[in-house]
Amino acid sequence: MQYISHYHSPIGDILLAADDIGLTGLWFEGQKYFALHLDKEHQEKDLPVFTETKRWLDIYFSGKEPDFTVPLHFMGTDFQKEVWEILCSIPYGKTMTYGEIAEKIAFKRGLKHMSAQAVGGAVGHNPISILVPCHRVIGSNGNLTGYAGGIDKKIKLLTLEKHYCPLIAL
């Protein structure tokens, strides 16, 4: 059974989802792939994971890096989960390109090459925005490429982390 809760952030309302294992979703209201993998049968309920997530988000939106993690439960393909684990390793205030993520996966799998486009698809379907920082992934030339929550939110998140430079081409 999945449960939901709501969070009002400075850049938009957020829907949280969780099960007995951990957080399964964090979506900006109306974003692309909103509530993907959320069970049709779910209920609103206060859970410790929601309390932790909201505290994490409060710290994050205050402009500080949270010093704790929230239990996550990834729901996707093995490839998506592999990409999302790499996203979790991108440090606060830093970015990584789709190509760099593809290189990491190729190396791990003993391959010469991995498609950056395939990585892009997995990044775009990340169901746990912000905590799994897909907003930190940029194009090979530094461009701020797609973000399911919208490029405006991506800019705000990177600015909050003091990474965004207005000179980066959109």
C-alpha atoms as a PDB file:
ATOM      1  CA  MET A   1       0.000   0.000   0.000  1.00  0.00           C
ATOM      2  CA  GLN A   2       1.229   3.474  -0.827  1.00  0.00           C
ATOM      3  CA  TYR A   3       0.529   6.592   1.160  1.00  0.00           C
ATOM      4  CA  ILE A   4       0.648  10.255   0.201  1.00  0.00           C
ATOM      5  CA  SER A   5       1.292  13.601   1.821  1.00  0.00           C
ATOM      6  CA  HIS A   6       1.644  17.163   0.571  1.00  0.00           C
ATOM      7  CA  TYR A   7       4.387  19.765   0.961  1.00  0.00           C
ATOM      8  CA  HIS A   8       4.265  23.425   0.007  1.00  0.00           C
ATOM      9  CA  SER A   9       7.687  24.498  -1.258  1.00  0.00           C
ATOM     10  CA  PRO A  10       8.791  28.010  -2.215  1.00  0.00           C
ATOM     11  CA  ILE A  11       8.762  26.945  -5.874  1.00  0.00           C
ATOM     12  CA  GLY A  12       5.545  24.930  -5.992  1.00  0.00           C
ATOM     13  CA  ASP A  13       3.351  22.384  -4.300  1.00  0.00           C
ATOM     14  CA  ILE A  14       4.757  18.880  -4.010  1.00  0.00           C
ATOM     15  CA  LEU A  15       3.101  15.479  -3.714  1.00  0.00           C
ATOM     16  CA  LEU A  16       5.000  12.906  -1.635  1.00  0.00           C
ATOM     17  CA  ALA A  17       4.406   9.152  -1.864  1.00  0.00           C
ATOM     18  CA  ALA A  18       5.787   6.339   0.266  1.00  0.00           C
ATOM     19  CA  ASP A  19       5.293   2.735   1.191  1.00  0.00           C
ATOM     20  CA  ASP A  20       6.508   0.685   4.147  1.00  0.00           C
ATOM     21  CA  ILE A  21      10.073   0.676   2.743  1.00  0.00           C
ATOM     22  CA  GLY A  22      10.613   4.361   2.010  1.00  0.00           C
ATOM     23  CA  LEU A  23       9.827   7.374  -0.134  1.00  0.00           C
ATOM     24  CA  THR A  24       8.603   6.275  -3.591  1.00  0.00           C
ATOM     25  CA  GLY A  25       7.741   9.625  -5.121  1.00  0.00           C
ATOM     26  CA  LEU A  26       8.257  13.366  -4.889  1.00  0.00           C
ATOM     27  CA  TRP A  27       6.613  15.308  -7.715  1.00  0.00           C
ATOM     28  CA  PHE A  28       5.874  18.955  -8.331  1.00  0.00           C
ATOM     29  CA  GLU A  29       2.136  19.322  -8.947  1.00  0.00           C
ATOM     30  CA  GLY A  30       1.474  19.072 -12.671  1.00  0.00           C
ATOM     31  CA  GLN A  31       4.983  18.037 -13.695  1.00  0.00           C
ATOM     32  CA  LYS A  32       5.665  15.607 -16.509  1.00  0.00           C
ATOM     33  CA  TYR A  33       5.146  11.993 -15.362  1.00  0.00           C
ATOM     34  CA  PHE A  34       3.241  13.272 -12.295  1.00  0.00           C
ATOM     35  CA  ALA A  35       2.476  10.449  -9.852  1.00  0.00           C
ATOM     36  CA  LEU A  36       3.858   7.801 -12.205  1.00  0.00           C
ATOM     37  CA  HIS A  37       3.927   4.445 -10.352  1.00  0.00           C
ATOM     38  CA  LEU A  38       1.603   5.762  -7.618  1.00  0.00           C
ATOM     39  CA  ASP A  39      -0.880   3.015  -6.776  1.00  0.00           C
ATOM     40  CA  LYS A  40      -4.452   3.874  -7.754  1.00  0.00           C
ATOM     41  CA  GLU A  41      -5.409   2.713  -4.279  1.00  0.00           C
ATOM     42  CA  HIS A  42      -3.509   4.944  -1.853  1.00  0.00           C
ATOM     43  CA  GLN A  43      -4.346   6.980   1.202  1.00  0.00           C
ATOM     44  CA  GLU A  44      -3.223  10.166   2.833  1.00  0.00           C
ATOM     45  CA  LYS A  45      -1.430   9.359   6.072  1.00  0.00           C
ATOM     46  CA  ASP A  46       1.212  10.844   8.351  1.00  0.00           C
ATOM     47  CA  LEU A  47       4.253   8.601   8.262  1.00  0.00           C
ATOM     48  CA  PRO A  48       7.703   9.076   9.832  1.00  0.00           C
ATOM     49  CA  VAL A  49       9.237   9.072   6.316  1.00  0.00           C
ATOM     50  CA  PHE A  50       7.044  12.062   5.411  1.00  0.00           C
ATOM     51  CA  THR A  51       8.101  13.912   8.569  1.00  0.00           C
ATOM     52  CA  GLU A  52      11.772  13.238   7.715  1.00  0.00           C
ATOM     53  CA  THR A  53      11.282  14.245   4.075  1.00  0.00           C
ATOM     54  CA  LYS A  54       9.552  17.504   5.008  1.00  0.00           C
ATOM     55  CA  ARG A  55      12.341  18.327   7.483  1.00  0.00           C
ATOM     56  CA  TRP A  56      14.911  17.553   4.750  1.00  0.00           C
ATOM     57  CA  LEU A  57      13.045  19.819   2.311  1.00  0.00           C
ATOM     58  CA  ASP A  58      12.770  22.628   4.903  1.00  0.00           C
ATOM     59  CA  ILE A  59      16.552  22.560   5.359  1.00  0.00           C
ATOM     60  CA  TYR A  60      17.156  22.319   1.615  1.00  0.00           C
ATOM     61  CA  PHE A  61      14.868  25.227   0.759  1.00  0.00           C
ATOM     62  CA  SER A  62      16.526  27.332   3.465  1.00  0.00           C
ATOM     63  CA  GLY A  63      19.652  27.179   1.265  1.00  0.00           C
ATOM     64  CA  LYS A  64      21.544  24.585   3.285  1.00  0.00           C
ATOM     65  CA  GLU A  65      22.632  21.063   2.449  1.00  0.00           C
ATOM     66  CA  PRO A  66      20.727  18.535   4.597  1.00  0.00           C
ATOM     67  CA  ASP A  67      23.101  16.357   6.626  1.00  0.00           C
ATOM     68  CA  PHE A  68      20.929  13.239   6.662  1.00  0.00           C
ATOM     69  CA  THR A  69      19.234  10.985   4.148  1.00  0.00           C
ATOM     70  CA  VAL A  70      15.672   9.811   3.827  1.00  0.00           C
ATOM     71  CA  PRO A  71      14.908   6.129   3.148  1.00  0.00           C
ATOM     72  CA  LEU A  72      14.099   5.730  -0.545  1.00  0.00           C
ATOM     73  CA  HIS A  73      12.325   2.931  -2.406  1.00  0.00           C
ATOM     74  CA  PHE A  74      13.003   3.087  -6.138  1.00  0.00           C
ATOM     75  CA  MET A  75      10.273   1.711  -8.383  1.00  0.00           C
ATOM     76  CA  GLY A  76      11.521   1.296 -11.947  1.00  0.00           C
ATOM     77  CA  THR A  77      13.623  -0.863 -14.213  1.00  0.00           C
ATOM     78  CA  ASP A  78      17.062  -2.089 -13.190  1.00  0.00           C
ATOM     79  CA  PHE A  79      18.628   0.403 -15.622  1.00  0.00           C
ATOM     80  CA  GLN A  80      16.597   3.295 -14.196  1.00  0.00           C
ATOM     81  CA  LYS A  81      17.570   2.315 -10.657  1.00  0.00           C
ATOM     82  CA  GLU A  82      21.233   2.207 -11.704  1.00  0.00           C
ATOM     83  CA  VAL A  83      20.966   5.743 -13.117  1.00  0.00           C
ATOM     84  CA  TRP A  84      19.072   7.023 -10.056  1.00  0.00           C
ATOM     85  CA  GLU A  85      21.765   5.630  -7.742  1.00  0.00           C
ATOM     86  CA  ILE A  86      24.347   7.654  -9.681  1.00  0.00           C
ATOM     87  CA  LEU A  87      22.143  10.749  -9.380  1.00  0.00           C
ATOM     88  CA  CYS A  88      22.230  10.287  -5.603  1.00  0.00           C
ATOM     89  CA  SER A  89      26.036  10.493  -5.749  1.00  0.00           C
ATOM     90  CA  ILE A  90      26.119  13.953  -7.390  1.00  0.00           C
ATOM     91  CA  PRO A  91      27.227  16.326  -4.622  1.00  0.00           C
ATOM     92  CA  TYR A  92      25.155  19.305  -3.541  1.00  0.00           C
ATOM     93  CA  GLY A  93      26.038  22.318  -5.656  1.00  0.00           C
ATOM     94  CA  LYS A  94      27.694  20.237  -8.396  1.00  0.00           C
ATOM     95  CA  THR A  95      26.487  18.965 -11.756  1.00  0.00           C
ATOM     96  CA  MET A  96      27.165  16.001 -14.008  1.00  0.00           C
ATOM     97  CA  THR A  97      26.409  15.494 -17.690  1.00  0.00           C
ATOM     98  CA  TYR A  98      24.299  12.736 -19.206  1.00  0.00           C
ATOM     99  CA  GLY A  99      27.464  11.556 -20.957  1.00  0.00           C
ATOM    100  CA  GLU A 100      29.386  11.311 -17.684  1.00  0.00           C
ATOM    101  CA  ILE A 101      26.609   9.186 -16.205  1.00  0.00           C
ATOM    102  CA  ALA A 102      26.632   6.998 -19.332  1.00  0.00           C
ATOM    103  CA  GLU A 103      30.410   6.561 -18.979  1.00  0.00           C
ATOM    104  CA  LYS A 104      30.035   5.475 -15.345  1.00  0.00           C
ATOM    105  CA  ILE A 105      27.427   2.860 -16.272  1.00  0.00           C
ATOM    106  CA  ALA A 106      29.470   1.626 -19.245  1.00  0.00           C
ATOM    107  CA  PHE A 107      32.563   1.262 -17.044  1.00  0.00           C
ATOM    108  CA  LYS A 108      30.589  -0.557 -14.340  1.00  0.00           C
ATOM    109  CA  ARG A 109      29.156  -2.952 -16.934  1.00  0.00           C
ATOM    110  CA  GLY A 110      32.446  -3.428 -18.776  1.00  0.00           C
ATOM    111  CA  LEU A 111      31.127  -1.815 -21.949  1.00  0.00           C
ATOM    112  CA  LYS A 112      32.906   0.556 -24.321  1.00  0.00           C
ATOM    113  CA  HIS A 113      29.899   2.830 -24.662  1.00  0.00           C
ATOM    114  CA  MET A 114      26.496   3.560 -23.139  1.00  0.00           C
ATOM    115  CA  SER A 115      23.871   5.803 -24.706  1.00  0.00           C
ATOM    116  CA  ALA A 116      23.572   9.239 -23.127  1.00  0.00           C
ATOM    117  CA  GLN A 117      20.042   9.344 -24.584  1.00  0.00           C
ATOM    118  CA  ALA A 118      19.090   6.195 -22.670  1.00  0.00           C
ATOM    119  CA  VAL A 119      20.476   7.825 -19.525  1.00  0.00           C
ATOM    120  CA  GLY A 120      18.409  10.919 -20.334  1.00  0.00           C
ATOM    121  CA  GLY A 121      15.255   8.821 -20.477  1.00  0.00           C
ATOM    122  CA  ALA A 122      15.971   7.316 -17.058  1.00  0.00           C
ATOM    123  CA  VAL A 123      16.844  10.719 -15.572  1.00  0.00           C
ATOM    124  CA  GLY A 124      13.615  12.164 -16.956  1.00  0.00           C
ATOM    125  CA  HIS A 125      11.552   9.423 -15.336  1.00  0.00           C
ATOM    126  CA  ASN A 126      13.101   9.897 -11.884  1.00  0.00           C
ATOM    127  CA  PRO A 127      10.100   9.733  -9.538  1.00  0.00           C
ATOM    128  CA  ILE A 128      11.840  11.281  -6.515  1.00  0.00           C
ATOM    129  CA  SER A 129      12.718  14.833  -7.527  1.00  0.00           C
ATOM    130  CA  ILE A 130      15.136  16.944  -5.478  1.00  0.00           C
ATOM    131  CA  LEU A 131      16.224  14.149  -3.092  1.00  0.00           C
ATOM    132  CA  VAL A 132      17.365  12.188  -6.142  1.00  0.00           C
ATOM    133  CA  PRO A 133      18.866  15.274  -7.765  1.00  0.00           C
ATOM    134  CA  CYS A 134      18.069  14.954 -11.452  1.00  0.00           C
ATOM    135  CA  HIS A 135      18.139  18.769 -11.575  1.00  0.00           C
ATOM    136  CA  ARG A 136      21.949  18.474 -11.291  1.00  0.00           C
ATOM    137  CA  VAL A 137      22.215  16.771 -14.682  1.00  0.00           C
ATOM    138  CA  ILE A 138      23.128  19.043 -17.582  1.00  0.00           C
ATOM    139  CA  GLY A 139      23.932  18.746 -21.279  1.00  0.00           C
ATOM    140  CA  SER A 140      27.466  18.102 -22.517  1.00  0.00           C
ATOM    141  CA  ASN A 141      27.963  21.761 -23.440  1.00  0.00           C
ATOM    142  CA  GLY A 142      26.670  23.009 -20.093  1.00  0.00           C
ATOM    143  CA  ASN A 143      23.133  23.611 -21.329  1.00  0.00           C
ATOM    144  CA  LEU A 144      20.295  23.224 -18.887  1.00  0.00           C
ATOM    145  CA  THR A 145      18.391  20.535 -20.714  1.00  0.00           C
ATOM    146  CA  GLY A 146      14.951  19.192 -19.805  1.00  0.00           C
ATOM    147  CA  TYR A 147      13.558  18.818 -16.337  1.00  0.00           C
ATOM    148  CA  ALA A 148      10.208  17.124 -15.697  1.00  0.00           C
ATOM    149  CA  GLY A 149       9.301  19.861 -13.208  1.00  0.00           C
ATOM    150  CA  GLY A 150      10.130  22.568 -15.753  1.00  0.00           C
ATOM    151  CA  ILE A 151      13.352  24.411 -16.620  1.00  0.00           C
ATOM    152  CA  ASP A 152      12.268  27.320 -14.394  1.00  0.00           C
ATOM    153  CA  LYS A 153      12.314  25.012 -11.367  1.00  0.00           C
ATOM    154  CA  LYS A 154      15.650  23.497 -12.424  1.00  0.00           C
ATOM    155  CA  ILE A 155      17.155  26.991 -12.529  1.00  0.00           C
ATOM    156  CA  LYS A 156      15.703  27.800  -9.101  1.00  0.00           C
ATOM    157  CA  LEU A 157      17.080  24.579  -7.588  1.00  0.00           C
ATOM    158  CA  LEU A 158      20.556  25.098  -9.050  1.00  0.00           C
ATOM    159  CA  THR A 159      20.480  28.754  -7.961  1.00  0.00           C
ATOM    160  CA  LEU A 160      19.499  27.667  -4.455  1.00  0.00           C
ATOM    161  CA  GLU A 161      22.548  25.380  -4.439  1.00  0.00           C
ATOM    162  CA  LYS A 162      24.589  28.361  -5.668  1.00  0.00           C
ATOM    163  CA  HIS A 163      25.545  26.519  -8.840  1.00  0.00           C
ATOM    164  CA  TYR A 164      23.500  28.224 -11.542  1.00  0.00           C
ATOM    165  CA  CYS A 165      25.275  30.802 -13.642  1.00  0.00           C
ATOM    166  CA  PRO A 166      23.018  32.956 -15.847  1.00  0.00           C
ATOM    167  CA  LEU A 167      25.660  32.677 -18.571  1.00  0.00           C
ATOM    168  CA  ILE A 168      24.807  28.992 -19.082  1.00  0.00           C
ATOM    169  CA  ALA A 169      22.861  28.795 -22.334  1.00  0.00           C
ATOM    170  CA  LEU A 170      19.297  27.571 -22.143  1.00  0.00           C
END
